[in-house]
Amino acid sequence: MRNTAIGATAAIAVLAGLLAAGPAPAAPVPSAGKEPARTASVHGKARISYVESIDHDIRFAVHAEQMPFTRPLPPQLPHGLPTDARGTLKISHTVPGGATGWAEAKVDCLVTSGRTATLTAVVTKSHDDENGARLGISVQQGAEGEPDRLGFSWGVVNVAPEHVDEDGLLMTPQVGTCMAPAPFTTVIKGGFKVVHAEITKTVAPPEAAGHRG
């Protein structure tokens, strides 16, 4: 996927839209004396300040929760991964006096650590028909008195200098599940809530579980 140029900055791809997430799964009944297991999640919406386009209006909306072992990947991972997730991603980018870029993306992976979440989502609809591209997003919920932060897998990151297309332009490598850079921009309006939960061990394929050799 090649980065989309908007206005003066060719480093930003603009994407947005928000899909309604399905109903949350029923919470498990806790055993006596035990708290119910937490589910990793990140929710919120925000406008960011990005140094490459400081006067542009760039906004993200995220609604994602971890749904372990819900995306089978046969034959090696028939049960899926503990980081499987569902949800939606919205990103909009408006240039002063210009147009707004947008897209809709469906979350497929989420992993958390403390106040930080990394997720990926696959574009389902966009202003420039870049459907099928996977986007990487990182969110850091700021400590008290500190702003939230956000990173994204296009613009100043995720280029392959050794690879160019037929026009001699740099190519952008495909983003793998849950891959995103550090949250390098600052939230200036709105914010995010991150709920951390430890991931569980990957379920072994039936043939591996039964192997005794």
C-alpha atoms as a PDB file:
ATOM      1  CA  MET A   1       0.000   0.000   0.000  1.00  0.00           C
ATOM      2  CA  ARG A   2       1.494   3.357  -1.028  1.00  0.00           C
ATOM      3  CA  ASN A   3       1.046   6.335   1.288  1.00  0.00           C
ATOM      4  CA  THR A   4      -1.640   8.806   0.177  1.00  0.00           C
ATOM      5  CA  ALA A   5      -0.572  12.438  -0.228  1.00  0.00           C
ATOM      6  CA  ILE A   6      -2.896  15.082   1.180  1.00  0.00           C
ATOM      7  CA  GLY A   7      -2.059  18.762   0.731  1.00  0.00           C
ATOM      8  CA  ALA A   8       1.592  19.615   1.361  1.00  0.00           C
ATOM      9  CA  THR A   9       2.494  16.418   3.198  1.00  0.00           C
ATOM     10  CA  ALA A  10       3.045  13.247   1.198  1.00  0.00           C
ATOM     11  CA  ALA A  11       3.887  11.293   4.343  1.00  0.00           C
ATOM     12  CA  ILE A  12       0.309  10.815   5.598  1.00  0.00           C
ATOM     13  CA  ALA A  13      -2.311   8.376   4.408  1.00  0.00           C
ATOM     14  CA  VAL A  14      -5.784   9.526   5.464  1.00  0.00           C
ATOM     15  CA  LEU A  15      -8.293   6.999   6.660  1.00  0.00           C
ATOM     16  CA  ALA A  16     -11.548   7.043   8.661  1.00  0.00           C
ATOM     17  CA  GLY A  17     -15.137   5.851   9.427  1.00  0.00           C
ATOM     18  CA  LEU A  18     -16.519   3.955  12.385  1.00  0.00           C
ATOM     19  CA  LEU A  19     -18.210   0.580  12.321  1.00  0.00           C
ATOM     20  CA  ALA A  20     -20.598  -0.375  15.067  1.00  0.00           C
ATOM     21  CA  ALA A  21     -19.103  -3.161  17.146  1.00  0.00           C
ATOM     22  CA  GLY A  22     -21.135  -6.262  17.849  1.00  0.00           C
ATOM     23  CA  PRO A  23     -22.525  -6.985  21.280  1.00  0.00           C
ATOM     24  CA  ALA A  24     -20.009  -7.803  23.973  1.00  0.00           C
ATOM     25  CA  PRO A  25     -19.798 -11.464  24.962  1.00  0.00           C
ATOM     26  CA  ALA A  26     -21.466 -12.512  28.175  1.00  0.00           C
ATOM     27  CA  ALA A  27     -19.131 -12.168  31.137  1.00  0.00           C
ATOM     28  CA  PRO A  28     -18.102 -15.469  32.718  1.00  0.00           C
ATOM     29  CA  VAL A  29     -19.578 -16.256  36.110  1.00  0.00           C
ATOM     30  CA  PRO A  30     -16.761 -15.826  38.654  1.00  0.00           C
ATOM     31  CA  SER A  31     -15.876 -18.613  41.024  1.00  0.00           C
ATOM     32  CA  ALA A  32     -16.415 -18.002  44.723  1.00  0.00           C
ATOM     33  CA  GLY A  33     -13.745 -15.686  46.097  1.00  0.00           C
ATOM     34  CA  LYS A  34     -12.337 -14.853  42.646  1.00  0.00           C
ATOM     35  CA  GLU A  35     -12.707 -11.739  40.537  1.00  0.00           C
ATOM     36  CA  PRO A  36     -13.911 -12.196  36.942  1.00  0.00           C
ATOM     37  CA  ALA A  37     -11.148 -12.317  34.335  1.00  0.00           C
ATOM     38  CA  ARG A  38     -10.415  -8.959  32.696  1.00  0.00           C
ATOM     39  CA  THR A  39     -10.680  -8.472  28.951  1.00  0.00           C
ATOM     40  CA  ALA A  40      -8.047  -6.343  27.245  1.00  0.00           C
ATOM     41  CA  SER A  41      -9.615  -3.361  25.496  1.00  0.00           C
ATOM     42  CA  VAL A  42      -9.130   0.209  24.324  1.00  0.00           C
ATOM     43  CA  HIS A  43     -11.881   2.761  23.759  1.00  0.00           C
ATOM     44  CA  GLY A  44     -11.981   6.444  22.916  1.00  0.00           C
ATOM     45  CA  LYS A  45     -11.601   9.149  20.325  1.00  0.00           C
ATOM     46  CA  ALA A  46      -9.151  12.000  19.999  1.00  0.00           C
ATOM     47  CA  ARG A  47      -7.590  14.666  17.841  1.00  0.00           C
ATOM     48  CA  ILE A  48      -3.808  14.453  17.601  1.00  0.00           C
ATOM     49  CA  SER A  49      -0.967  16.871  16.943  1.00  0.00           C
ATOM     50  CA  TYR A  50       1.361  15.489  14.260  1.00  0.00           C
ATOM     51  CA  VAL A  51       4.606  17.352  13.569  1.00  0.00           C
ATOM     52  CA  GLU A  52       4.497  16.687   9.801  1.00  0.00           C
ATOM     53  CA  SER A  53       1.042  18.322   9.497  1.00  0.00           C
ATOM     54  CA  ILE A  54       0.797  20.522  12.544  1.00  0.00           C
ATOM     55  CA  ASP A  55      -2.155  22.616  11.267  1.00  0.00           C
ATOM     56  CA  HIS A  56      -4.201  19.663   9.980  1.00  0.00           C
ATOM     57  CA  ASP A  57      -7.216  18.209  11.795  1.00  0.00           C
ATOM     58  CA  ILE A  58      -6.381  14.512  12.304  1.00  0.00           C
ATOM     59  CA  ARG A  59      -8.725  12.398  14.428  1.00  0.00           C
ATOM     60  CA  PHE A  60      -8.907   8.775  15.537  1.00  0.00           C
ATOM     61  CA  ALA A  61     -11.725   6.796  17.117  1.00  0.00           C
ATOM     62  CA  VAL A  62     -11.024   3.318  18.491  1.00  0.00           C
ATOM     63  CA  HIS A  63     -13.332   0.675  19.892  1.00  0.00           C
ATOM     64  CA  ALA A  64     -11.543  -2.648  20.329  1.00  0.00           C
ATOM     65  CA  GLU A  65     -11.570  -5.641  22.649  1.00  0.00           C
ATOM     66  CA  GLN A  66      -9.558  -8.821  22.725  1.00  0.00           C
ATOM     67  CA  MET A  67     -11.437 -11.985  21.671  1.00  0.00           C
ATOM     68  CA  PRO A  68      -8.895 -14.827  22.066  1.00  0.00           C
ATOM     69  CA  PHE A  69      -8.972 -17.751  19.635  1.00  0.00           C
ATOM     70  CA  THR A  70     -11.754 -16.441  17.396  1.00  0.00           C
ATOM     71  CA  ARG A  71      -9.847 -16.153  14.088  1.00  0.00           C
ATOM     72  CA  PRO A  72      -8.701 -19.622  12.950  1.00  0.00           C
ATOM     73  CA  LEU A  73      -5.526 -19.723  10.857  1.00  0.00           C
ATOM     74  CA  PRO A  74      -5.349 -23.288   9.523  1.00  0.00           C
ATOM     75  CA  PRO A  75      -3.380 -25.420   9.254  1.00  0.00           C
ATOM     76  CA  GLN A  76      -0.806 -24.133  11.762  1.00  0.00           C
ATOM     77  CA  LEU A  77      -3.133 -22.212  14.082  1.00  0.00           C
ATOM     78  CA  PRO A  78      -6.590 -23.765  13.742  1.00  0.00           C
ATOM     79  CA  HIS A  79      -7.698 -22.166  17.011  1.00  0.00           C
ATOM     80  CA  GLY A  80      -6.399 -18.692  16.155  1.00  0.00           C
ATOM     81  CA  LEU A  81      -4.313 -16.533  18.477  1.00  0.00           C
ATOM     82  CA  PRO A  82      -4.721 -15.220  22.043  1.00  0.00           C
ATOM     83  CA  THR A  83      -4.464 -11.684  20.610  1.00  0.00           C
ATOM     84  CA  ASP A  84      -7.435 -12.059  18.252  1.00  0.00           C
ATOM     85  CA  ALA A  85      -9.743  -9.079  18.603  1.00  0.00           C
ATOM     86  CA  ARG A  86     -12.803  -7.348  17.267  1.00  0.00           C
ATOM     87  CA  GLY A  87     -13.887  -3.738  16.985  1.00  0.00           C
ATOM     88  CA  THR A  88     -13.633  -0.686  14.790  1.00  0.00           C
ATOM     89  CA  LEU A  89     -11.218   2.080  13.893  1.00  0.00           C
ATOM     90  CA  LYS A  90     -12.022   5.577  12.636  1.00  0.00           C
ATOM     91  CA  ILE A  91      -9.467   8.015  11.260  1.00  0.00           C
ATOM     92  CA  SER A  92     -10.130  11.332   9.535  1.00  0.00           C
ATOM     93  CA  HIS A  93      -7.665  13.873   8.147  1.00  0.00           C
ATOM     94  CA  THR A  94      -8.821  17.316   7.088  1.00  0.00           C
ATOM     95  CA  VAL A  95      -6.502  19.789   5.382  1.00  0.00           C
ATOM     96  CA  PRO A  96      -7.183  23.490   6.134  1.00  0.00           C
ATOM     97  CA  GLY A  97      -9.382  24.772   3.347  1.00  0.00           C
ATOM     98  CA  GLY A  98      -9.274  21.376   1.660  1.00  0.00           C
ATOM     99  CA  ALA A  99     -10.845  17.941   1.563  1.00  0.00           C
ATOM    100  CA  THR A 100     -11.167  15.281   4.228  1.00  0.00           C
ATOM    101  CA  GLY A 101      -9.758  11.786   3.760  1.00  0.00           C
ATOM    102  CA  TRP A 102     -11.525   8.914   5.479  1.00  0.00           C
ATOM    103  CA  ALA A 103     -11.837   5.136   5.785  1.00  0.00           C
ATOM    104  CA  GLU A 104     -13.366   2.391   7.890  1.00  0.00           C
ATOM    105  CA  ALA A 105     -11.325  -0.468   9.327  1.00  0.00           C
ATOM    106  CA  LYS A 106     -12.147  -3.661  11.210  1.00  0.00           C
ATOM    107  CA  VAL A 107      -9.947  -4.593  14.183  1.00  0.00           C
ATOM    108  CA  ASP A 108      -8.291  -8.030  13.977  1.00  0.00           C
ATOM    109  CA  CYS A 109      -5.623  -7.975  16.728  1.00  0.00           C
ATOM    110  CA  LEU A 110      -5.073  -6.304  20.112  1.00  0.00           C
ATOM    111  CA  VAL A 111      -2.368  -6.605  22.756  1.00  0.00           C
ATOM    112  CA  THR A 112      -1.880  -4.449  25.870  1.00  0.00           C
ATOM    113  CA  SER A 113       0.743  -3.605  28.461  1.00  0.00           C
ATOM    114  CA  GLY A 114      -0.172  -1.354  31.346  1.00  0.00           C
ATOM    115  CA  ARG A 115      -1.528   1.882  29.879  1.00  0.00           C
ATOM    116  CA  THR A 116      -0.463   1.006  26.327  1.00  0.00           C
ATOM    117  CA  ALA A 117      -2.358  -0.862  23.613  1.00  0.00           C
ATOM    118  CA  THR A 118      -1.275  -1.945  20.140  1.00  0.00           C
ATOM    119  CA  LEU A 119      -3.855  -3.012  17.590  1.00  0.00           C
ATOM    120  CA  THR A 120      -4.295  -3.598  13.894  1.00  0.00           C
ATOM    121  CA  ALA A 121      -7.345  -3.157  11.703  1.00  0.00           C
ATOM    122  CA  VAL A 122      -8.091  -3.992   8.076  1.00  0.00           C
ATOM    123  CA  VAL A 123      -9.601  -1.263   5.876  1.00  0.00           C
ATOM    124  CA  THR A 124     -13.093  -2.134   4.646  1.00  0.00           C
ATOM    125  CA  LYS A 125     -14.049   1.209   3.107  1.00  0.00           C
ATOM    126  CA  SER A 126     -12.098   4.380   2.294  1.00  0.00           C
ATOM    127  CA  HIS A 127     -12.021   7.579   0.267  1.00  0.00           C
ATOM    128  CA  ASP A 128      -9.290   6.205  -2.005  1.00  0.00           C
ATOM    129  CA  ASP A 129     -10.357   2.544  -2.248  1.00  0.00           C
ATOM    130  CA  GLU A 130      -7.355   1.262  -0.282  1.00  0.00           C
ATOM    131  CA  ASN A 131      -9.521  -1.600   0.976  1.00  0.00           C
ATOM    132  CA  GLY A 132      -7.774  -4.637   2.412  1.00  0.00           C
ATOM    133  CA  ALA A 133      -4.784  -2.740   3.819  1.00  0.00           C
ATOM    134  CA  ARG A 134      -3.899  -3.513   7.442  1.00  0.00           C
ATOM    135  CA  LEU A 135      -3.179  -0.495   9.655  1.00  0.00           C
ATOM    136  CA  GLY A 136      -1.192  -0.539  12.895  1.00  0.00           C
ATOM    137  CA  ILE A 137      -2.196   1.763  15.758  1.00  0.00           C
ATOM    138  CA  SER A 138      -0.640   2.259  19.208  1.00  0.00           C
ATOM    139  CA  VAL A 139      -2.347   4.088  22.078  1.00  0.00           C
ATOM    140  CA  GLN A 140      -0.857   5.216  25.371  1.00  0.00           C
ATOM    141  CA  GLN A 141      -3.198   6.398  28.097  1.00  0.00           C
ATOM    142  CA  GLY A 142      -1.352   9.181  29.858  1.00  0.00           C
ATOM    143  CA  ALA A 143      -0.711   9.115  33.589  1.00  0.00           C
ATOM    144  CA  GLU A 144      -2.389  11.797  35.711  1.00  0.00           C
ATOM    145  CA  GLY A 145      -1.425  15.205  34.364  1.00  0.00           C
ATOM    146  CA  GLU A 146       0.077  13.790  31.171  1.00  0.00           C
ATOM    147  CA  PRO A 147      -1.550  13.731  27.699  1.00  0.00           C
ATOM    148  CA  ASP A 148      -2.484  10.533  25.917  1.00  0.00           C
ATOM    149  CA  ARG A 149      -0.386   9.582  22.898  1.00  0.00           C
ATOM    150  CA  LEU A 150      -0.946   7.702  19.638  1.00  0.00           C
ATOM    151  CA  GLY A 151       1.168   6.180  16.864  1.00  0.00           C
ATOM    152  CA  PHE A 152       0.289   4.890  13.408  1.00  0.00           C
ATOM    153  CA  SER A 153       1.990   2.676  10.856  1.00  0.00           C
ATOM    154  CA  TRP A 154       2.290   5.134   7.980  1.00  0.00           C
ATOM    155  CA  GLY A 155       3.891   8.528   7.415  1.00  0.00           C
ATOM    156  CA  VAL A 156       7.322   8.619   9.062  1.00  0.00           C
ATOM    157  CA  VAL A 157       7.522   4.881   9.765  1.00  0.00           C
ATOM    158  CA  ASN A 158       7.200   1.521   7.979  1.00  0.00           C
ATOM    159  CA  VAL A 159       9.123   2.120   4.760  1.00  0.00           C
ATOM    160  CA  ALA A 160      11.455  -0.294   2.987  1.00  0.00           C
ATOM    161  CA  PRO A 161      14.385   1.755   1.619  1.00  0.00           C
ATOM    162  CA  GLU A 162      15.694  -1.248  -0.286  1.00  0.00           C
ATOM    163  CA  HIS A 163      12.444  -1.633  -2.230  1.00  0.00           C
ATOM    164  CA  VAL A 164      10.976   0.793  -4.777  1.00  0.00           C
ATOM    165  CA  ASP A 165       8.092   0.450  -7.228  1.00  0.00           C
ATOM    166  CA  GLU A 166       8.172   0.774 -11.017  1.00  0.00           C
ATOM    167  CA  ASP A 167       8.117   4.578 -10.678  1.00  0.00           C
ATOM    168  CA  GLY A 168      11.127   4.587  -8.366  1.00  0.00           C
ATOM    169  CA  LEU A 169       9.038   5.473  -5.302  1.00  0.00           C
ATOM    170  CA  LEU A 170       9.526   3.919  -1.867  1.00  0.00           C
ATOM    171  CA  MET A 171       7.212   1.028  -1.096  1.00  0.00           C
ATOM    172  CA  THR A 172       5.372   0.546   2.186  1.00  0.00           C
ATOM    173  CA  PRO A 173       5.661  -3.006   3.570  1.00  0.00           C
ATOM    174  CA  GLN A 174       2.534  -4.815   4.650  1.00  0.00           C
ATOM    175  CA  VAL A 175       1.701  -4.511   8.344  1.00  0.00           C
ATOM    176  CA  GLY A 176       1.408  -7.781  10.297  1.00  0.00           C
ATOM    177  CA  THR A 177      -1.124  -8.374  13.051  1.00  0.00           C
ATOM    178  CA  CYS A 178      -0.656  -6.236  16.185  1.00  0.00           C
ATOM    179  CA  MET A 179       2.377  -4.477  14.640  1.00  0.00           C
ATOM    180  CA  ALA A 180       2.556  -0.709  15.225  1.00  0.00           C
ATOM    181  CA  PRO A 181       5.203   1.898  16.126  1.00  0.00           C
ATOM    182  CA  ALA A 182       5.554   3.638  19.487  1.00  0.00           C
ATOM    183  CA  PRO A 183       2.879   6.300  20.117  1.00  0.00           C
ATOM    184  CA  PHE A 184       4.800   9.244  18.646  1.00  0.00           C
ATOM    185  CA  THR A 185       2.029  11.877  18.443  1.00  0.00           C
ATOM    186  CA  THR A 186       0.273  13.804  21.214  1.00  0.00           C
ATOM    187  CA  VAL A 187      -3.477  13.855  21.871  1.00  0.00           C
ATOM    188  CA  ILE A 188      -4.715  17.453  22.060  1.00  0.00           C
ATOM    189  CA  LYS A 189      -8.439  16.768  22.410  1.00  0.00           C
ATOM    190  CA  GLY A 190     -10.305  13.735  23.751  1.00  0.00           C
ATOM    191  CA  GLY A 191      -8.523  10.610  24.937  1.00  0.00           C
ATOM    192  CA  PHE A 192      -8.459   6.847  25.359  1.00  0.00           C
ATOM    193  CA  LYS A 193      -9.102   4.278  28.066  1.00  0.00           C
ATOM    194  CA  VAL A 194      -6.852   1.205  28.022  1.00  0.00           C
ATOM    195  CA  VAL A 195      -7.692  -1.919  30.032  1.00  0.00           C
ATOM    196  CA  HIS A 196      -4.759  -4.332  30.315  1.00  0.00           C
ATOM    197  CA  ALA A 197      -5.047  -8.120  30.518  1.00  0.00           C
ATOM    198  CA  GLU A 198      -2.312 -10.742  30.225  1.00  0.00           C
ATOM    199  CA  ILE A 199      -2.458 -12.894  27.109  1.00  0.00           C
ATOM    200  CA  THR A 200      -2.944 -16.632  27.454  1.00  0.00           C
ATOM    201  CA  LYS A 201      -0.861 -19.423  25.973  1.00  0.00           C
ATOM    202  CA  THR A 202      -1.493 -20.246  22.328  1.00  0.00           C
ATOM    203  CA  VAL A 203      -3.606 -23.371  21.897  1.00  0.00           C
ATOM    204  CA  ALA A 204      -1.563 -26.165  20.288  1.00  0.00           C
ATOM    205  CA  PRO A 205      -2.938 -27.845  17.127  1.00  0.00           C
ATOM    206  CA  PRO A 206      -4.532 -31.262  17.791  1.00  0.00           C
ATOM    207  CA  GLU A 207      -1.686 -33.133  16.078  1.00  0.00           C
ATOM    208  CA  ALA A 208       0.921 -31.299  18.182  1.00  0.00           C
ATOM    209  CA  ALA A 209      -0.981 -31.893  21.403  1.00  0.00           C
ATOM    210  CA  GLY A 210      -1.185 -35.604  20.677  1.00  0.00           C
ATOM    211  CA  HIS A 211       2.447 -36.012  19.606  1.00  0.00           C
ATOM    212  CA  ARG A 212       4.548 -38.121  21.958  1.00  0.00           C
ATOM    213  CA  GLY A 213       7.589 -38.784  19.780  1.00  0.00           C
END
